[in-house]
Amino acid sequence: MDPYRKSRRRRRVTSPLTQESADVVGFLLETFESAEAFLTSADRDSIGCLVLDVRMPGVTGVDLLRHLAATGSRIPVIMLTPHGDDETRWRCLEPGATAFLEKPVRTPALLDAVRRALAST
């Protein structure tokens, strides 16, 4: 059995963080190959927070964010991008992203955004 699944204090987070940095603050890190893989995952309901890139191949992070909003999902979403212009920021925040961070993002800033997102649920 996975030792991370035993701890009730851990929250599952999908993100570009390393498992080592997630362990330090008590997060269980889960990665998905694509937005489509996340959408078809049986584990989808146990995710506490998503960290998405704006420009993912296939279904983009913005498209996934809009889909989640349209289907009533309560999973908080943090958006990452190297393209932090006002239009992109609005395209992410308008459908409900809890944070919009520009790459390269520092690990402490991302961890703070994840903590705030988890606290909002």
C-alpha atoms as a PDB file:
ATOM      1  CA  MET A   1       0.000   0.000   0.000  1.00  0.00           C
ATOM      2  CA  ASP A   2       1.223   3.502  -0.803  1.00  0.00           C
ATOM      3  CA  PRO A   3       2.298   5.161   2.494  1.00  0.00           C
ATOM      4  CA  TYR A   4       1.002   8.530   1.294  1.00  0.00           C
ATOM      5  CA  ARG A   5      -2.532   7.229   1.060  1.00  0.00           C
ATOM      6  CA  LYS A   6      -2.494   6.264   4.765  1.00  0.00           C
ATOM      7  CA  SER A   7      -2.112   9.808   6.032  1.00  0.00           C
ATOM      8  CA  ARG A   8      -5.378  11.669   6.397  1.00  0.00           C
ATOM      9  CA  ARG A   9      -3.548  14.983   6.719  1.00  0.00           C
ATOM     10  CA  ARG A  10      -2.220  14.825   3.164  1.00  0.00           C
ATOM     11  CA  ARG A  11      -4.185  16.443   0.344  1.00  0.00           C
ATOM     12  CA  ARG A  12      -3.776  15.297  -3.255  1.00  0.00           C
ATOM     13  CA  VAL A  13      -2.473  17.997  -5.553  1.00  0.00           C
ATOM     14  CA  THR A  14      -1.644  17.844  -9.250  1.00  0.00           C
ATOM     15  CA  SER A  15       1.271  20.103 -10.059  1.00  0.00           C
ATOM     16  CA  PRO A  16       4.734  20.530 -11.536  1.00  0.00           C
ATOM     17  CA  LEU A  17       6.175  20.430  -8.008  1.00  0.00           C
ATOM     18  CA  THR A  18       8.528  17.615  -7.144  1.00  0.00           C
ATOM     19  CA  GLN A  19       7.324  15.000  -4.694  1.00  0.00           C
ATOM     20  CA  GLU A  20      10.186  16.014  -2.403  1.00  0.00           C
ATOM     21  CA  SER A  21       8.974  19.613  -2.125  1.00  0.00           C
ATOM     22  CA  ALA A  22       5.378  18.428  -1.743  1.00  0.00           C
ATOM     23  CA  ASP A  23       6.416  16.047   1.055  1.00  0.00           C
ATOM     24  CA  VAL A  24       7.918  18.907   3.044  1.00  0.00           C
ATOM     25  CA  VAL A  25       4.505  20.537   3.423  1.00  0.00           C
ATOM     26  CA  GLY A  26       2.405  17.358   3.510  1.00  0.00           C
ATOM     27  CA  PHE A  27       0.968  17.244  -0.004  1.00  0.00           C
ATOM     28  CA  LEU A  28       0.546  14.071  -2.024  1.00  0.00           C
ATOM     29  CA  LEU A  29       1.560  14.875  -5.574  1.00  0.00           C
ATOM     30  CA  GLU A  30      -0.291  13.307  -8.490  1.00  0.00           C
ATOM     31  CA  THR A  31       0.629  13.890 -12.118  1.00  0.00           C
ATOM     32  CA  PHE A  32      -1.384  13.292 -15.273  1.00  0.00           C
ATOM     33  CA  GLU A  33       0.008  12.998 -18.785  1.00  0.00           C
ATOM     34  CA  SER A  34      -2.624  15.362 -20.193  1.00  0.00           C
ATOM     35  CA  ALA A  35      -5.915  17.101 -19.499  1.00  0.00           C
ATOM     36  CA  GLU A  36      -7.658  14.204 -21.183  1.00  0.00           C
ATOM     37  CA  ALA A  37      -5.925  11.745 -18.816  1.00  0.00           C
ATOM     38  CA  PHE A  38      -7.127  13.771 -15.840  1.00  0.00           C
ATOM     39  CA  LEU A  39     -10.694  13.918 -17.144  1.00  0.00           C
ATOM     40  CA  THR A  40     -10.854  10.134 -17.553  1.00  0.00           C
ATOM     41  CA  SER A  41      -9.100   9.354 -14.267  1.00  0.00           C
ATOM     42  CA  ALA A  42     -10.944   7.369 -11.622  1.00  0.00           C
ATOM     43  CA  ASP A  43      -9.011   9.450  -9.054  1.00  0.00           C
ATOM     44  CA  ARG A  44     -10.440  12.741 -10.295  1.00  0.00           C
ATOM     45  CA  ASP A  45     -12.770  13.240  -7.331  1.00  0.00           C
ATOM     46  CA  SER A  46      -9.943  12.922  -4.805  1.00  0.00           C
ATOM     47  CA  ILE A  47      -7.892  15.794  -6.244  1.00  0.00           C
ATOM     48  CA  GLY A  48      -7.633  18.758  -3.881  1.00  0.00           C
ATOM     49  CA  CYS A  49      -6.121  21.246  -6.336  1.00  0.00           C
ATOM     50  CA  LEU A  50      -4.961  21.410  -9.952  1.00  0.00           C
ATOM     51  CA  VAL A  51      -1.911  23.270 -11.227  1.00  0.00           C
ATOM     52  CA  LEU A  52      -2.209  23.752 -14.988  1.00  0.00           C
ATOM     53  CA  ASP A  53      -0.120  25.337 -17.679  1.00  0.00           C
ATOM     54  CA  VAL A  54      -2.060  27.735 -19.893  1.00  0.00           C
ATOM     55  CA  ARG A  55      -0.651  26.179 -23.091  1.00  0.00           C
ATOM     56  CA  MET A  56      -0.750  22.415 -22.649  1.00  0.00           C
ATOM     57  CA  PRO A  57      -0.794  20.247 -25.796  1.00  0.00           C
ATOM     58  CA  GLY A  58      -4.217  18.931 -26.782  1.00  0.00           C
ATOM     59  CA  VAL A  59      -6.799  20.300 -24.378  1.00  0.00           C
ATOM     60  CA  THR A  60      -5.169  23.472 -23.052  1.00  0.00           C
ATOM     61  CA  GLY A  61      -5.102  24.475 -19.406  1.00  0.00           C
ATOM     62  CA  VAL A  62      -7.576  27.260 -20.140  1.00  0.00           C
ATOM     63  CA  ASP A  63      -9.898  24.822 -21.937  1.00  0.00           C
ATOM     64  CA  LEU A  64      -9.735  22.415 -18.991  1.00  0.00           C
ATOM     65  CA  LEU A  65     -10.385  25.267 -16.550  1.00  0.00           C
ATOM     66  CA  ARG A  66     -13.445  26.362 -18.555  1.00  0.00           C
ATOM     67  CA  HIS A  67     -14.699  22.765 -18.772  1.00  0.00           C
ATOM     68  CA  LEU A  68     -14.370  22.324 -15.016  1.00  0.00           C
ATOM     69  CA  ALA A  69     -16.205  25.606 -14.394  1.00  0.00           C
ATOM     70  CA  ALA A  70     -18.995  24.667 -16.831  1.00  0.00           C
ATOM     71  CA  THR A  71     -19.499  21.289 -15.157  1.00  0.00           C
ATOM     72  CA  GLY A  72     -19.658  22.767 -11.659  1.00  0.00           C
ATOM     73  CA  SER A  73     -16.361  21.355 -10.433  1.00  0.00           C
ATOM     74  CA  ARG A  74     -15.207  22.734  -7.093  1.00  0.00           C
ATOM     75  CA  ILE A  75     -11.550  21.772  -7.605  1.00  0.00           C
ATOM     76  CA  PRO A  76      -9.454  24.929  -7.223  1.00  0.00           C
ATOM     77  CA  VAL A  77      -7.173  25.607 -10.189  1.00  0.00           C
ATOM     78  CA  ILE A  78      -3.844  27.449 -10.280  1.00  0.00           C
ATOM     79  CA  MET A  79      -2.686  28.560 -13.718  1.00  0.00           C
ATOM     80  CA  LEU A  80       0.971  28.854 -14.778  1.00  0.00           C
ATOM     81  CA  THR A  81       2.300  30.572 -17.876  1.00  0.00           C
ATOM     82  CA  PRO A  82       5.362  32.293 -19.282  1.00  0.00           C
ATOM     83  CA  HIS A  83       2.876  34.571 -21.117  1.00  0.00           C
ATOM     84  CA  GLY A  84       1.558  36.763 -18.299  1.00  0.00           C
ATOM     85  CA  ASP A  85      -0.187  39.428 -20.338  1.00  0.00           C
ATOM     86  CA  ASP A  86      -3.474  40.983 -19.194  1.00  0.00           C
ATOM     87  CA  GLU A  87      -5.594  39.100 -21.738  1.00  0.00           C
ATOM     88  CA  THR A  88      -4.203  35.711 -20.677  1.00  0.00           C
ATOM     89  CA  ARG A  89      -4.628  36.617 -17.010  1.00  0.00           C
ATOM     90  CA  TRP A  90      -8.290  37.555 -17.635  1.00  0.00           C
ATOM     91  CA  ARG A  91      -8.885  34.321 -19.637  1.00  0.00           C
ATOM     92  CA  CYS A  92      -7.766  32.381 -16.557  1.00  0.00           C
ATOM     93  CA  LEU A  93      -9.275  34.374 -13.715  1.00  0.00           C
ATOM     94  CA  GLU A  94     -12.672  34.980 -15.347  1.00  0.00           C
ATOM     95  CA  PRO A  95     -13.678  31.264 -15.324  1.00  0.00           C
ATOM     96  CA  GLY A  96     -12.443  30.880 -11.764  1.00  0.00           C
ATOM     97  CA  ALA A  97      -8.701  30.197 -11.468  1.00  0.00           C
ATOM     98  CA  THR A  98      -7.677  30.792  -7.863  1.00  0.00           C
ATOM     99  CA  ALA A  99      -4.208  32.017  -8.870  1.00  0.00           C
ATOM    100  CA  PHE A 100      -2.309  33.074 -11.985  1.00  0.00           C
ATOM    101  CA  LEU A 101       1.472  32.713 -11.712  1.00  0.00           C
ATOM    102  CA  GLU A 102       4.123  33.595 -14.267  1.00  0.00           C
ATOM    103  CA  LYS A 103       6.920  31.166 -15.082  1.00  0.00           C
ATOM    104  CA  PRO A 104       9.471  30.641 -13.931  1.00  0.00           C
ATOM    105  CA  VAL A 105       7.601  30.324 -10.657  1.00  0.00           C
ATOM    106  CA  ARG A 106       9.500  29.890  -7.427  1.00  0.00           C
ATOM    107  CA  THR A 107       8.570  26.859  -5.349  1.00  0.00           C
ATOM    108  CA  PRO A 108       7.601  28.908  -2.237  1.00  0.00           C
ATOM    109  CA  ALA A 109       5.196  31.048  -4.307  1.00  0.00           C
ATOM    110  CA  LEU A 110       3.609  27.968  -5.842  1.00  0.00           C
ATOM    111  CA  LEU A 111       3.306  26.242  -2.471  1.00  0.00           C
ATOM    112  CA  ASP A 112       1.652  29.357  -1.036  1.00  0.00           C
ATOM    113  CA  ALA A 113      -0.836  29.389  -3.930  1.00  0.00           C
ATOM    114  CA  VAL A 114      -1.581  25.689  -3.362  1.00  0.00           C
ATOM    115  CA  ARG A 115      -2.140  26.273   0.377  1.00  0.00           C
ATOM    116  CA  ARG A 116      -4.556  29.131  -0.372  1.00  0.00           C
ATOM    117  CA  ALA A 117      -6.371  27.054  -2.984  1.00  0.00           C
ATOM    118  CA  LEU A 118      -6.786  24.108  -0.601  1.00  0.00           C
ATOM    119  CA  ALA A 119      -7.984  26.448   2.150  1.00  0.00           C
ATOM    120  CA  SER A 120     -10.675  27.785  -0.194  1.00  0.00           C
ATOM    121  CA  THR A 121     -12.399  24.406  -0.518  1.00  0.00           C
END
